[in-house]
Amino acid sequence: QLQLVESGGGLVQPGGSLKLSCAVSGSALDNYAIGWFRQAPGKERMGVSCISSNGTYTTHADSVKGRFTISRDSAKTTVYLQMNSLKPEDTATYFCAAIVDFTYKVIPTVQNICILSSSEYDYWGQGTQVTVSS
């Protein structure tokens, strides 16, 4: 059973930075696309960033482009979300999630991408709180 554990959340002032980690265990990281999502009180969960299962494709929500970067360390089976220039509106609980995708291992020519639709993801972590406030 795949397990995901987030860490790195906390309280930061506007303009500051945080780096979230998502530790993945139970299976090889390159069998899964990994996404970061966030949910603020009273709001729907929204996709922030994702990285494809072979690590070659990333995408970010418009609201975080140029500020957030997703990356992974396959040796450590960890996916990171570097968040810079944080704003109060970034305050939320952040979740990482995984979707099975090893098609590229069977069909090398297939396009390996990821999507920011939470309904597509099968495995979820427990979340980590990020609060941006002065």
Protein backbone atom coordinates (compact mmCIF):
# COMPACT_ATOMS: atom_id res chain seq x y z
CA GLN A 1 0.00 0.00 0.00
CA LEU A 2 1.42 3.34 -1.04
CA GLN A 3 1.90 5.83 1.78
CA LEU A 4 2.55 9.55 1.54
CA VAL A 5 3.67 11.72 4.43
CA GLU A 6 3.91 15.50 4.15
CA SER A 7 6.15 17.72 6.24
CA GLY A 8 7.61 21.21 6.22
CA GLY A 9 4.56 23.33 6.85
CA GLY A 10 4.49 26.18 9.33
CA LEU A 11 3.98 29.89 9.90
CA VAL A 12 5.79 32.30 7.60
CA GLN A 13 5.59 36.01 6.93
CA PRO A 14 4.38 37.35 3.57
CA GLY A 15 7.22 37.26 1.07
CA GLY A 16 8.88 34.36 2.85
CA SER A 17 9.62 30.82 1.71
CA LEU A 18 8.85 27.27 2.76
CA LYS A 19 9.82 23.92 1.35
CA LEU A 20 7.32 21.10 1.72
CA SER A 21 8.33 17.45 1.49
CA CYS A 22 6.26 14.43 0.53
CA ALA A 23 7.89 11.15 1.54
CA VAL A 24 6.60 8.25 -0.54
CA SER A 25 6.87 4.64 0.60
CA GLY A 26 5.44 1.29 -0.41
CA SER A 27 6.34 1.39 -4.09
CA ALA A 28 8.77 2.87 -6.57
CA LEU A 29 8.31 6.60 -7.05
CA ASP A 30 8.63 6.32 -10.83
CA ASN A 31 5.35 4.37 -10.98
CA TYR A 32 3.41 7.43 -9.85
CA ALA A 33 2.66 10.97 -10.84
CA ILE A 34 2.68 13.14 -7.71
CA GLY A 35 0.58 16.21 -7.17
CA TRP A 36 0.39 18.91 -4.53
CA PHE A 37 -3.03 20.23 -3.62
CA ARG A 38 -4.25 22.73 -1.08
CA GLN A 39 -7.48 23.46 0.72
CA ALA A 40 -8.34 26.56 2.67
CA PRO A 41 -11.23 26.65 5.17
CA GLY A 42 -14.53 26.93 3.36
CA LYS A 43 -12.97 26.46 -0.04
CA GLU A 44 -12.64 23.57 -2.44
CA ARG A 45 -9.43 21.62 -2.77
CA MET A 46 -7.35 22.94 -5.67
CA GLY A 47 -4.39 21.61 -7.58
CA VAL A 48 -1.12 23.49 -7.06
CA SER A 49 1.64 21.58 -8.84
CA CYS A 50 2.36 18.12 -10.16
CA ILE A 51 5.25 16.10 -11.56
CA SER A 52 4.91 13.18 -13.96
CA SER A 53 5.95 9.66 -13.08
CA ASN A 54 9.19 9.79 -15.08
CA GLY A 55 9.95 13.24 -13.71
CA THR A 56 10.19 14.98 -17.08
CA TYR A 57 6.96 17.00 -16.96
CA THR A 58 5.73 19.48 -14.37
CA THR A 59 2.86 21.92 -14.30
CA HIS A 60 1.65 24.57 -11.88
CA ALA A 61 -1.57 26.42 -11.24
CA ASP A 62 -1.60 29.96 -12.64
CA SER A 63 -1.83 31.41 -9.13
CA VAL A 64 1.57 29.95 -8.16
CA LYS A 65 3.52 30.04 -11.44
CA GLY A 66 6.87 31.70 -11.00
CA ARG A 67 6.69 31.29 -7.21
CA PHE A 68 6.37 27.54 -6.59
CA THR A 69 8.59 24.77 -7.94
CA ILE A 70 7.98 21.03 -7.73
CA SER A 71 10.87 18.57 -7.84
CA ARG A 72 11.73 15.09 -6.72
CA ASP A 73 14.63 13.08 -5.40
CA SER A 74 14.12 9.53 -6.63
CA ALA A 75 16.89 8.17 -4.42
CA LYS A 76 15.09 9.51 -1.36
CA THR A 77 11.64 8.80 -2.83
CA THR A 78 10.65 12.30 -1.86
CA VAL A 79 8.81 15.02 -3.78
CA TYR A 80 9.34 18.64 -2.82
CA LEU A 81 7.36 21.84 -3.22
CA GLN A 82 9.52 24.93 -2.94
CA MET A 83 7.30 27.91 -2.21
CA ASN A 84 8.73 31.42 -2.56
CA SER A 85 7.20 34.89 -2.32
CA LEU A 86 4.40 33.51 -0.20
CA LYS A 87 1.16 35.47 0.09
CA PRO A 88 -1.59 35.37 2.71
CA GLU A 89 -3.85 33.74 0.12
CA ASP A 90 -1.46 30.77 0.02
CA THR A 91 -2.62 29.88 3.54
CA ALA A 92 -4.12 26.37 3.44
CA THR A 93 -3.59 22.76 4.30
CA TYR A 94 -1.31 21.27 1.67
CA PHE A 95 -1.67 17.66 0.59
CA CYS A 96 0.41 15.48 -1.66
CA ALA A 97 -1.26 12.78 -3.69
CA ALA A 98 -0.31 10.02 -6.11
CA ILE A 99 -1.78 8.47 -9.22
CA VAL A 100 -0.53 5.25 -10.76
CA ASP A 101 1.14 5.81 -14.13
CA PHE A 102 3.80 3.47 -15.42
CA THR A 103 2.49 3.35 -18.99
CA TYR A 104 5.72 4.95 -20.22
CA LYS A 105 7.64 1.86 -19.08
CA VAL A 106 5.54 -0.32 -21.39
CA ILE A 107 5.04 2.12 -24.27
CA PRO A 108 8.09 4.41 -24.40
CA THR A 109 6.50 6.70 -27.01
CA VAL A 110 3.52 7.63 -24.86
CA GLN A 111 3.45 11.18 -23.55
CA ASN A 112 4.20 11.21 -19.82
CA ILE A 113 2.34 14.08 -18.15
CA CYS A 114 0.41 14.86 -14.98
CA ILE A 115 -2.82 16.74 -14.28
CA LEU A 116 -4.11 18.93 -11.46
CA SER A 117 -7.48 17.25 -11.05
CA SER A 118 -7.84 15.93 -7.50
CA SER A 119 -10.50 13.40 -8.50
CA GLU A 120 -7.91 11.50 -10.56
CA TYR A 121 -5.57 10.80 -7.64
CA ASP A 122 -5.75 7.55 -5.73
CA TYR A 123 -3.53 8.01 -2.69
CA TRP A 124 -3.38 10.96 -0.30
CA GLY A 125 -1.27 12.13 2.58
CA GLN A 126 -2.65 13.61 5.79
CA GLY A 127 -1.70 17.19 4.95
CA THR A 128 0.51 19.89 6.42
CA GLN A 129 -0.63 23.36 7.42
CA VAL A 130 0.89 26.45 5.81
CA THR A 131 0.00 29.83 7.31
CA VAL A 132 1.21 33.05 5.73
CA SER A 133 0.69 35.95 8.10
CA SER A 134 2.50 38.91 9.59
